[in-house]
C-alpha atoms as a PDB file:
ATOM      1  CA  MET A   1       7.528   0.829 -10.232  1.00  0.00           C
ATOM      2  CA  SER A   2       9.962   0.659  -7.515  1.00  0.00           C
ATOM      3  CA  LYS A   3      10.779  -2.608  -5.600  1.00  0.00           C
ATOM      4  CA  TYR A   4       8.679  -1.240  -2.727  1.00  0.00           C
ATOM      5  CA  GLY A   5       5.533  -0.808  -5.201  1.00  0.00           C
ATOM      6  CA  GLU A   6       6.053  -4.171  -6.641  1.00  0.00           C
ATOM      7  CA  ALA A   7       6.301  -5.684  -2.867  1.00  0.00           C
ATOM      8  CA  ALA A   8       3.070  -3.804  -2.053  1.00  0.00           C
ATOM      9  CA  VAL A   9       1.237  -5.402  -5.021  1.00  0.00           C
ATOM     10  CA  LYS A  10       2.677  -8.743  -4.317  1.00  0.00           C
ATOM     11  CA  THR A  11       1.639  -8.439  -0.683  1.00  0.00           C
ATOM     12  CA  VAL A  12      -2.005  -8.134  -1.771  1.00  0.00           C
ATOM     13  CA  GLN A  13      -1.652 -10.978  -3.744  1.00  0.00           C
ATOM     14  CA  TYR A  14      -0.256 -13.099  -0.745  1.00  0.00           C
ATOM     15  CA  LEU A  15      -3.101 -11.663   1.310  1.00  0.00           C
ATOM     16  CA  LYS A  16      -5.507 -12.813  -0.854  1.00  0.00           C
ATOM     17  CA  GLU A  17      -4.039 -16.261  -1.835  1.00  0.00           C
ATOM     18  CA  ASN A  18      -3.451 -17.186   1.690  1.00  0.00           C
ATOM     19  CA  GLN A  19      -6.341 -15.879   3.015  1.00  0.00           C
ATOM     20  CA  LEU A  20      -4.469 -13.688   6.084  1.00  0.00           C
ATOM     21  CA  GLU A  21      -5.961 -11.198   7.941  1.00  0.00           C
ATOM     22  CA  SER A  22      -2.749  -9.311   8.752  1.00  0.00           C
ATOM     23  CA  PRO A  23      -1.197  -7.128   5.845  1.00  0.00           C
ATOM     24  CA  LYS A  24       1.894  -6.507   8.084  1.00  0.00           C
ATOM     25  CA  THR A  25       2.767 -10.227   8.428  1.00  0.00           C
ATOM     26  CA  ALA A  26       2.082 -10.479   4.512  1.00  0.00           C
ATOM     27  CA  TRP A  27       4.267  -7.575   3.937  1.00  0.00           C
ATOM     28  CA  GLU A  28       6.956  -9.006   6.199  1.00  0.00           C
ATOM     29  CA  VAL A  29       7.206 -12.470   4.094  1.00  0.00           C
ATOM     30  CA  ILE A  30       7.307 -10.736   0.928  1.00  0.00           C
ATOM     31  CA  THR A  31       9.830  -8.039   1.692  1.00  0.00           C
ATOM     32  CA  LYS A  32      12.133 -10.854   2.930  1.00  0.00           C
ATOM     33  CA  GLU A  33      12.042 -11.781  -0.745  1.00  0.00           C
ATOM     34  CA  PHE A  34      12.922  -8.634  -2.098  1.00  0.00           C
ATOM     35  CA  PHE A  35      15.420  -7.381   0.413  1.00  0.00           C
ATOM     36  CA  TRP A  36      17.419  -8.968   3.181  1.00  0.00           C
ATOM     37  CA  GLU A  37      16.348  -8.292   6.695  1.00  0.00           C
ATOM     38  CA  GLY A  38      17.272  -4.958   7.997  1.00  0.00           C
ATOM     39  CA  THR A  39      18.224  -2.937   4.791  1.00  0.00           C
ATOM     40  CA  ALA A  40      14.856  -1.111   4.237  1.00  0.00           C
ATOM     41  CA  SER A  41      14.489   2.222   5.975  1.00  0.00           C
ATOM     42  CA  GLN A  42      11.438   3.032   8.130  1.00  0.00           C
ATOM     43  CA  LYS A  43      10.368   5.625   5.684  1.00  0.00           C
ATOM     44  CA  ASN A  44      10.431   3.122   2.755  1.00  0.00           C
ATOM     45  CA  LYS A  45       8.611   0.838   4.716  1.00  0.00           C
ATOM     46  CA  ALA A  46       6.084   3.134   5.691  1.00  0.00           C
ATOM     47  CA  TYR A  47       5.697   3.645   1.881  1.00  0.00           C
ATOM     48  CA  GLY A  48       5.244  -0.010   1.316  1.00  0.00           C
ATOM     49  CA  LEU A  49       2.574  -0.175   3.909  1.00  0.00           C
ATOM     50  CA  LYS A  50       0.938   2.849   2.748  1.00  0.00           C
ATOM     51  CA  ALA A  51       0.766   1.647  -0.921  1.00  0.00           C
ATOM     52  CA  LEU A  52      -0.395  -1.712   0.317  1.00  0.00           C
ATOM     53  CA  GLU A  53      -3.413   0.164   2.283  1.00  0.00           C
ATOM     54  CA  LEU A  54      -4.168   2.164  -0.911  1.00  0.00           C
ATOM     55  CA  ILE A  55      -4.477  -0.907  -3.009  1.00  0.00           C
ATOM     56  CA  ARG A  56      -6.400  -2.605  -0.379  1.00  0.00           C
ATOM     57  CA  LYS A  57      -9.003   0.162  -0.714  1.00  0.00           C
ATOM     58  CA  ASN A  58      -8.621   0.515  -4.553  1.00  0.00           C
ATOM     59  CA  PRO A  59      -7.471  -2.707  -6.279  1.00  0.00           C
ATOM     60  CA  ASP A  60      -7.388  -0.755  -9.843  1.00  0.00           C
ATOM     61  CA  LEU A  61      -4.218   1.232  -8.517  1.00  0.00           C
ATOM     62  CA  ILE A  62      -2.417  -2.064  -9.150  1.00  0.00           C
ATOM     63  CA  GLU A  63      -2.854  -1.097 -12.808  1.00  0.00           C
ATOM     64  CA  ASP A  64      -2.064   2.615 -12.485  1.00  0.00           C
ATOM     65  CA  LYS A  65       1.402   2.598 -10.737  1.00  0.00           C
ATOM     66  CA  LYS A  66       1.825   6.485 -11.471  1.00  0.00           C
ATOM     67  CA  THR A  67      -1.347   7.331  -9.230  1.00  0.00           C
ATOM     68  CA  LEU A  68      -0.386   4.582  -6.574  1.00  0.00           C
ATOM     69  CA  TRP A  69       3.007   6.167  -6.276  1.00  0.00           C
ATOM     70  CA  LEU A  70       1.540   9.680  -5.789  1.00  0.00           C
ATOM     71  CA  GLU A  71      -1.015   8.867  -3.516  1.00  0.00           C
ATOM     72  CA  THR A  72       1.764   6.691  -1.675  1.00  0.00           C
ATOM     73  CA  ILE A  73       3.984   9.827  -1.014  1.00  0.00           C
ATOM     74  CA  GLY A  74       1.173  12.457  -0.465  1.00  0.00           C
ATOM     75  CA  HIS A  75       2.615  15.948  -0.752  1.00  0.00           C
ATOM     76  CA  GLU A  76       6.340  14.970  -0.742  1.00  0.00           C
ATOM     77  CA  LYS A  77       8.310  15.302  -3.704  1.00  0.00           C
ATOM     78  CA  LYS A  78      10.428  12.114  -4.255  1.00  0.00           C
ATOM     79  CA  ALA A  79      10.897  10.244  -7.118  1.00  0.00           C
ATOM     80  CA  PRO A  80      10.324   6.395  -7.095  1.00  0.00           C
ATOM     81  CA  ASN A  81      13.330   3.974  -6.893  1.00  0.00           C
ATOM     82  CA  SER A  82      13.760   1.904 -10.124  1.00  0.00           C
END
């Protein structure tokens, strides 16, 4: 799974553990652990936020990385980063 996928999974866990209402706030906290500020492209950020949204709707996607990735990218042809 890519770092963005891992960040999405950790963001959901962080939301639950800290009882936050804002996925955006949790995403910002978690991604600062994975990446230094300002390095992620807007598109990759969008992928991470989409993955987070999908996981919140269907937590089973945490265990199905391939489906999570495919649903995150939609119709785009893009390989996950390693």
